[in-house]
């Protein structure tokens, strides 16, 4: 498992079915038979990483869209991406 840093490139892993439900995302990993639910911020991150993207670019997008300071944004985003990575939902480079 790779440690996620500001320069890590992340993107969605293929094979995850996603449906929007009231601003949140319901996700199903058909390969593993797992179900995930993302809140609105997690859903936005998931949209951003539909294409390969450096973590620092994700932070810039989120700080434009949400009233959040850089430190809080970085901590929350990295923690979220590490969880997605643990669950096998990311491709990292």
C-alpha atoms as a PDB file:
ATOM      1  CA  UNK A   1       0.000   0.000   0.000  1.00  0.00           C
ATOM      2  CA  UNK A   2       1.447   3.376  -0.992  1.00  0.00           C
ATOM      3  CA  UNK A   3       1.547   6.323   1.419  1.00  0.00           C
ATOM      4  CA  UNK A   4      -0.454   9.162  -0.063  1.00  0.00           C
ATOM      5  CA  UNK A   5       1.332  12.521  -0.298  1.00  0.00           C
ATOM      6  CA  UNK A   6       0.602  15.809  -2.048  1.00  0.00           C
ATOM      7  CA  UNK A   7       2.372  14.585  -5.194  1.00  0.00           C
ATOM      8  CA  UNK A   8       0.670  11.196  -5.363  1.00  0.00           C
ATOM      9  CA  UNK A   9      -1.423  10.750  -8.501  1.00  0.00           C
ATOM     10  CA  UNK A  10      -4.761   9.109  -7.737  1.00  0.00           C
ATOM     11  CA  UNK A  11      -7.710   8.000  -9.828  1.00  0.00           C
ATOM     12  CA  UNK A  12     -10.792   5.842  -9.500  1.00  0.00           C
ATOM     13  CA  UNK A  13     -10.284   2.131  -9.970  1.00  0.00           C
ATOM     14  CA  UNK A  14     -12.275   0.713 -12.860  1.00  0.00           C
ATOM     15  CA  UNK A  15     -15.206  -1.557 -12.118  1.00  0.00           C
ATOM     16  CA  UNK A  16     -16.939   0.547  -9.458  1.00  0.00           C
ATOM     17  CA  UNK A  17     -20.629   1.169 -10.185  1.00  0.00           C
ATOM     18  CA  UNK A  18     -21.733   4.561  -8.859  1.00  0.00           C
ATOM     19  CA  UNK A  19     -25.178   6.111  -8.452  1.00  0.00           C
ATOM     20  CA  UNK A  20     -26.065   9.615  -7.243  1.00  0.00           C
ATOM     21  CA  UNK A  21     -28.595   9.776  -4.407  1.00  0.00           C
ATOM     22  CA  UNK A  22     -29.487  13.257  -3.101  1.00  0.00           C
ATOM     23  CA  UNK A  23     -25.978  14.713  -3.541  1.00  0.00           C
ATOM     24  CA  UNK A  24     -24.248  11.604  -2.211  1.00  0.00           C
ATOM     25  CA  UNK A  25     -22.843   8.614  -4.030  1.00  0.00           C
ATOM     26  CA  UNK A  26     -23.733   4.973  -3.525  1.00  0.00           C
ATOM     27  CA  UNK A  27     -20.920   2.809  -4.855  1.00  0.00           C
ATOM     28  CA  UNK A  28     -20.740  -0.922  -5.480  1.00  0.00           C
ATOM     29  CA  UNK A  29     -17.536  -2.848  -6.050  1.00  0.00           C
ATOM     30  CA  UNK A  30     -18.929  -5.733  -8.082  1.00  0.00           C
ATOM     31  CA  UNK A  31     -15.614  -7.594  -8.001  1.00  0.00           C
ATOM     32  CA  UNK A  32     -15.528  -7.743  -4.193  1.00  0.00           C
ATOM     33  CA  UNK A  33     -19.262  -7.488  -3.513  1.00  0.00           C
ATOM     34  CA  UNK A  34     -18.758  -4.409  -1.317  1.00  0.00           C
ATOM     35  CA  UNK A  35     -21.040  -1.391  -0.958  1.00  0.00           C
ATOM     36  CA  UNK A  36     -19.881   2.138  -0.070  1.00  0.00           C
ATOM     37  CA  UNK A  37     -21.662   5.431   0.589  1.00  0.00           C
ATOM     38  CA  UNK A  38     -19.958   8.817   0.135  1.00  0.00           C
ATOM     39  CA  UNK A  39     -21.156  12.122   1.593  1.00  0.00           C
ATOM     40  CA  UNK A  40     -21.228  15.270  -0.539  1.00  0.00           C
ATOM     41  CA  UNK A  41     -17.525  16.135  -0.049  1.00  0.00           C
ATOM     42  CA  UNK A  42     -16.445  12.527  -0.621  1.00  0.00           C
ATOM     43  CA  UNK A  43     -18.641  12.496  -3.718  1.00  0.00           C
ATOM     44  CA  UNK A  44     -16.931  15.630  -5.014  1.00  0.00           C
ATOM     45  CA  UNK A  45     -13.490  14.080  -4.482  1.00  0.00           C
ATOM     46  CA  UNK A  46     -14.691  10.952  -6.305  1.00  0.00           C
ATOM     47  CA  UNK A  47     -15.778  13.128  -9.250  1.00  0.00           C
ATOM     48  CA  UNK A  48     -12.429  14.949  -9.325  1.00  0.00           C
ATOM     49  CA  UNK A  49     -10.494  11.667  -9.449  1.00  0.00           C
ATOM     50  CA  UNK A  50     -12.456  10.319 -12.404  1.00  0.00           C
ATOM     51  CA  UNK A  51      -9.220  11.198 -14.242  1.00  0.00           C
ATOM     52  CA  UNK A  52      -5.677  10.895 -12.839  1.00  0.00           C
ATOM     53  CA  UNK A  53      -5.042  13.827 -10.521  1.00  0.00           C
ATOM     54  CA  UNK A  54      -2.351  14.856  -8.014  1.00  0.00           C
ATOM     55  CA  UNK A  55      -3.578  15.174  -4.436  1.00  0.00           C
ATOM     56  CA  UNK A  56      -2.457  18.819  -4.371  1.00  0.00           C
ATOM     57  CA  UNK A  57      -4.813  19.516  -7.321  1.00  0.00           C
ATOM     58  CA  UNK A  58      -7.702  17.948  -5.418  1.00  0.00           C
ATOM     59  CA  UNK A  59      -6.962  20.281  -2.497  1.00  0.00           C
ATOM     60  CA  UNK A  60      -6.965  23.341  -4.759  1.00  0.00           C
ATOM     61  CA  UNK A  61     -10.351  22.361  -6.194  1.00  0.00           C
ATOM     62  CA  UNK A  62     -11.867  21.707  -2.763  1.00  0.00           C
ATOM     63  CA  UNK A  63     -10.557  24.953  -1.258  1.00  0.00           C
ATOM     64  CA  UNK A  64     -12.155  26.873  -4.159  1.00  0.00           C
ATOM     65  CA  UNK A  65     -15.503  25.179  -3.599  1.00  0.00           C
ATOM     66  CA  UNK A  66     -15.675  24.880   0.205  1.00  0.00           C
ATOM     67  CA  UNK A  67     -14.937  27.233   3.099  1.00  0.00           C
ATOM     68  CA  UNK A  68     -12.002  25.255   4.519  1.00  0.00           C
ATOM     69  CA  UNK A  69      -8.419  26.093   5.442  1.00  0.00           C
ATOM     70  CA  UNK A  70      -5.535  24.297   3.750  1.00  0.00           C
ATOM     71  CA  UNK A  71      -4.400  22.250   6.775  1.00  0.00           C
ATOM     72  CA  UNK A  72      -7.892  20.923   7.519  1.00  0.00           C
ATOM     73  CA  UNK A  73      -8.513  20.228   3.835  1.00  0.00           C
ATOM     74  CA  UNK A  74      -5.211  18.373   3.465  1.00  0.00           C
ATOM     75  CA  UNK A  75      -5.721  16.231   6.568  1.00  0.00           C
ATOM     76  CA  UNK A  76      -9.296  15.289   5.668  1.00  0.00           C
ATOM     77  CA  UNK A  77      -8.556  14.645   2.011  1.00  0.00           C
ATOM     78  CA  UNK A  78      -5.483  12.488   2.635  1.00  0.00           C
ATOM     79  CA  UNK A  79      -7.347  10.502   5.305  1.00  0.00           C
ATOM     80  CA  UNK A  80     -10.270   9.969   2.914  1.00  0.00           C
ATOM     81  CA  UNK A  81      -7.987   8.926   0.032  1.00  0.00           C
ATOM     82  CA  UNK A  82      -6.082   6.531   2.295  1.00  0.00           C
ATOM     83  CA  UNK A  83      -9.400   4.900   3.250  1.00  0.00           C
ATOM     84  CA  UNK A  84     -10.393   4.594  -0.415  1.00  0.00           C
ATOM     85  CA  UNK A  85      -6.967   3.098  -1.106  1.00  0.00           C
ATOM     86  CA  UNK A  86      -7.333   0.596   1.770  1.00  0.00           C
ATOM     87  CA  UNK A  87     -10.717  -0.415   0.367  1.00  0.00           C
ATOM     88  CA  UNK A  88      -9.142  -0.991  -3.060  1.00  0.00           C
ATOM     89  CA  UNK A  89     -11.068   1.787  -4.801  1.00  0.00           C
ATOM     90  CA  UNK A  90      -8.053   3.811  -6.000  1.00  0.00           C
ATOM     91  CA  UNK A  91      -5.225   3.475  -8.448  1.00  0.00           C
ATOM     92  CA  UNK A  92      -2.179   5.368  -7.126  1.00  0.00           C
ATOM     93  CA  UNK A  93       1.030   6.414  -8.882  1.00  0.00           C
END
